[in-house]
């Protein structure tokens, strides 16, 4: 789904980043976050003004004034994939649980992106990139009425 088709639609997203080198970054009130090589998945939802297109554009551009937890980390990470749904139900907690349950996944920064829910974290680290097809299959087995999933290239979305 290209950005022009997404327009201002609300939905849930997963930004998948790659990191080549370890990092240390202060993340607002969460304090110091330490990260390491591998893939980092940030799960969120965009149900406010501008929907998915606006939120993803924000997350994929440098932030002058950090607002969300991800704003602090994104300088250390390179976006490699975006997965979205325009399902009208907020699915970020279910997605975070699904990513966290994958073998090899960890949540090294407790509370990251999860200040308004009871999840451990909405930031998941994996040594290898998760598979889109297997993730979609796992979601559909857990959530019968989940809407369609889309896979986007961050470079195509926001050059």
Protein backbone atom coordinates (compact mmCIF):
# COMPACT_ATOMS: atom_id res chain seq x y z
CA UNK A 1 0.00 0.00 0.00
CA UNK A 2 1.85 3.15 -1.14
CA UNK A 3 1.62 6.31 0.93
CA UNK A 4 -0.84 7.90 -1.49
CA UNK A 5 -3.25 4.99 -0.97
CA UNK A 6 -2.79 5.05 2.82
CA UNK A 7 -3.69 8.76 2.97
CA UNK A 8 -4.95 9.58 6.47
CA UNK A 9 -6.18 6.10 7.36
CA UNK A 10 -5.76 5.01 10.97
CA UNK A 11 -4.13 1.71 11.87
CA UNK A 12 -1.40 -0.28 13.59
CA UNK A 13 2.21 -0.49 12.42
CA UNK A 14 5.50 -2.21 13.08
CA UNK A 15 8.69 -0.41 12.12
CA UNK A 16 11.56 -2.83 11.68
CA UNK A 17 15.04 -1.41 12.07
CA UNK A 18 18.51 -2.85 11.75
CA UNK A 19 21.42 -1.91 14.00
CA UNK A 20 25.05 -2.59 13.07
CA UNK A 21 26.72 -1.38 16.25
CA UNK A 22 25.89 -1.28 19.96
CA UNK A 23 24.43 2.02 21.23
CA UNK A 24 23.63 3.93 24.42
CA UNK A 25 20.91 6.56 24.31
CA UNK A 26 19.02 8.45 27.00
CA UNK A 27 15.29 7.95 26.37
CA UNK A 28 13.40 10.67 28.20
CA UNK A 29 12.06 9.53 31.58
CA UNK A 30 12.94 5.89 30.83
CA UNK A 31 16.60 6.75 31.29
CA UNK A 32 19.56 5.13 29.57
CA UNK A 33 18.78 2.52 26.93
CA UNK A 34 21.51 0.20 25.74
CA UNK A 35 21.13 -1.66 22.51
CA UNK A 36 23.05 -4.11 20.42
CA UNK A 37 23.33 -5.47 16.90
CA UNK A 38 20.36 -7.06 15.24
CA UNK A 39 16.80 -6.12 14.42
CA UNK A 40 14.65 -3.81 16.49
CA UNK A 41 10.89 -3.79 16.06
CA UNK A 42 8.82 -0.89 17.29
CA UNK A 43 5.05 -1.43 17.37
CA UNK A 44 2.60 1.44 17.55
CA UNK A 45 -0.77 2.69 16.41
CA UNK A 46 -1.87 5.80 14.58
CA UNK A 47 -5.48 6.70 15.27
CA UNK A 48 -5.01 10.47 15.54
CA UNK A 49 -4.97 13.21 12.89
CA UNK A 50 -3.09 12.18 9.76
CA UNK A 51 -3.31 8.46 10.55
CA UNK A 52 -0.58 6.04 9.50
CA UNK A 53 0.99 8.24 6.82
CA UNK A 54 1.58 11.10 9.24
CA UNK A 55 2.88 8.94 12.10
CA UNK A 56 5.21 6.91 9.88
CA UNK A 57 6.54 10.07 8.24
CA UNK A 58 7.35 11.42 11.71
CA UNK A 59 9.10 8.23 12.79
CA UNK A 60 11.19 8.03 9.63
CA UNK A 61 12.51 11.59 9.78
CA UNK A 62 14.95 13.11 12.29
CA UNK A 63 13.25 14.71 15.31
CA UNK A 64 14.32 18.12 16.52
CA UNK A 65 12.30 17.73 19.72
CA UNK A 66 11.75 14.14 20.79
CA UNK A 67 8.13 13.40 21.61
CA UNK A 68 7.74 9.60 21.47
CA UNK A 69 10.21 7.11 22.94
CA UNK A 70 11.26 6.08 19.42
CA UNK A 71 12.35 9.65 18.65
CA UNK A 72 15.33 9.15 20.97
CA UNK A 73 16.47 5.86 19.42
CA UNK A 74 15.94 6.29 15.72
CA UNK A 75 19.30 7.96 15.12
CA UNK A 76 21.00 4.68 16.12
CA UNK A 77 18.77 2.53 13.89
CA UNK A 78 18.25 2.10 10.13
CA UNK A 79 14.65 1.42 8.99
CA UNK A 80 14.40 -1.67 6.76
CA UNK A 81 10.69 -2.58 6.71
CA UNK A 82 7.23 -1.33 7.67
CA UNK A 83 4.26 -3.60 8.34
CA UNK A 84 0.83 -2.03 8.71
CA UNK A 85 -2.86 -2.74 8.92
CA UNK A 86 -5.73 -0.32 8.51
CA UNK A 87 -7.82 -2.52 10.77
CA UNK A 88 -10.08 -0.10 12.71
CA UNK A 89 -9.14 -1.77 16.02
CA UNK A 90 -5.92 -0.86 17.85
CA UNK A 91 -3.74 -3.96 17.54
CA UNK A 92 -0.41 -2.72 18.89
CA UNK A 93 -0.49 -4.74 22.12
CA UNK A 94 -1.41 -7.95 20.28
CA UNK A 95 1.37 -7.29 17.74
CA UNK A 96 3.91 -6.61 20.51
CA UNK A 97 2.93 -9.89 22.21
CA UNK A 98 3.21 -11.76 18.91
CA UNK A 99 6.70 -10.36 18.18
CA UNK A 100 7.81 -10.96 21.77
CA UNK A 101 6.72 -14.60 21.58
CA UNK A 102 8.98 -15.33 18.59
CA UNK A 103 11.97 -17.49 19.49
CA UNK A 104 15.01 -15.31 20.18
CA UNK A 105 13.01 -12.14 20.92
CA UNK A 106 13.78 -9.96 23.94
CA UNK A 107 12.37 -6.71 25.35
CA UNK A 108 15.53 -5.01 26.70
CA UNK A 109 13.92 -1.60 27.39
CA UNK A 110 10.99 -2.10 29.75
CA UNK A 111 8.13 0.35 29.26
CA UNK A 112 9.34 1.52 25.84
CA UNK A 113 6.33 2.72 23.83
CA UNK A 114 4.02 1.14 26.40
CA UNK A 115 3.30 4.02 28.78
CA UNK A 116 -0.44 3.81 28.09
CA UNK A 117 -0.89 0.02 28.44
CA UNK A 118 0.22 -2.92 30.57
CA UNK A 119 2.64 -4.44 28.03
CA UNK A 120 6.26 -4.97 29.07
CA UNK A 121 7.45 -3.09 25.97
CA UNK A 122 6.54 -2.21 22.41
CA UNK A 123 10.20 -2.40 21.41
CA UNK A 124 11.44 -5.88 20.65
CA UNK A 125 14.97 -7.00 19.76
CA UNK A 126 15.70 -10.00 17.57
CA UNK A 127 18.99 -11.39 16.30
CA UNK A 128 17.34 -12.07 12.92
CA UNK A 129 14.67 -10.27 10.94
CA UNK A 130 11.19 -11.70 11.55
CA UNK A 131 9.35 -13.26 8.61
CA UNK A 132 6.34 -11.35 7.34
CA UNK A 133 4.38 -14.42 6.22
CA UNK A 134 4.89 -16.30 9.49
CA UNK A 135 4.00 -13.18 11.52
CA UNK A 136 0.80 -12.73 9.51
CA UNK A 137 -0.07 -16.42 10.00
CA UNK A 138 0.51 -16.16 13.78
CA UNK A 139 -1.64 -13.03 14.04
CA UNK A 140 -4.47 -14.58 12.08
CA UNK A 141 -4.41 -17.67 14.29
CA UNK A 142 -4.75 -15.43 17.38
CA UNK A 143 -7.13 -12.78 16.02
CA UNK A 144 -9.81 -14.22 13.76
CA UNK A 145 -11.15 -10.90 12.44
CA UNK A 146 -7.78 -9.15 11.94
CA UNK A 147 -7.71 -6.93 8.87
CA UNK A 148 -5.22 -7.29 5.99
CA UNK A 149 -1.50 -6.71 6.58
CA UNK A 150 0.67 -4.66 4.24
CA UNK A 151 4.43 -4.69 3.84
CA UNK A 152 6.06 -1.40 2.83
CA UNK A 153 9.58 -0.32 1.98
CA UNK A 154 10.53 2.75 4.07
CA UNK A 155 12.61 4.18 1.22
CA UNK A 156 9.65 4.02 -1.18
CA UNK A 157 7.31 5.50 1.38
CA UNK A 158 9.40 8.46 2.49
CA UNK A 159 12.43 9.00 0.23
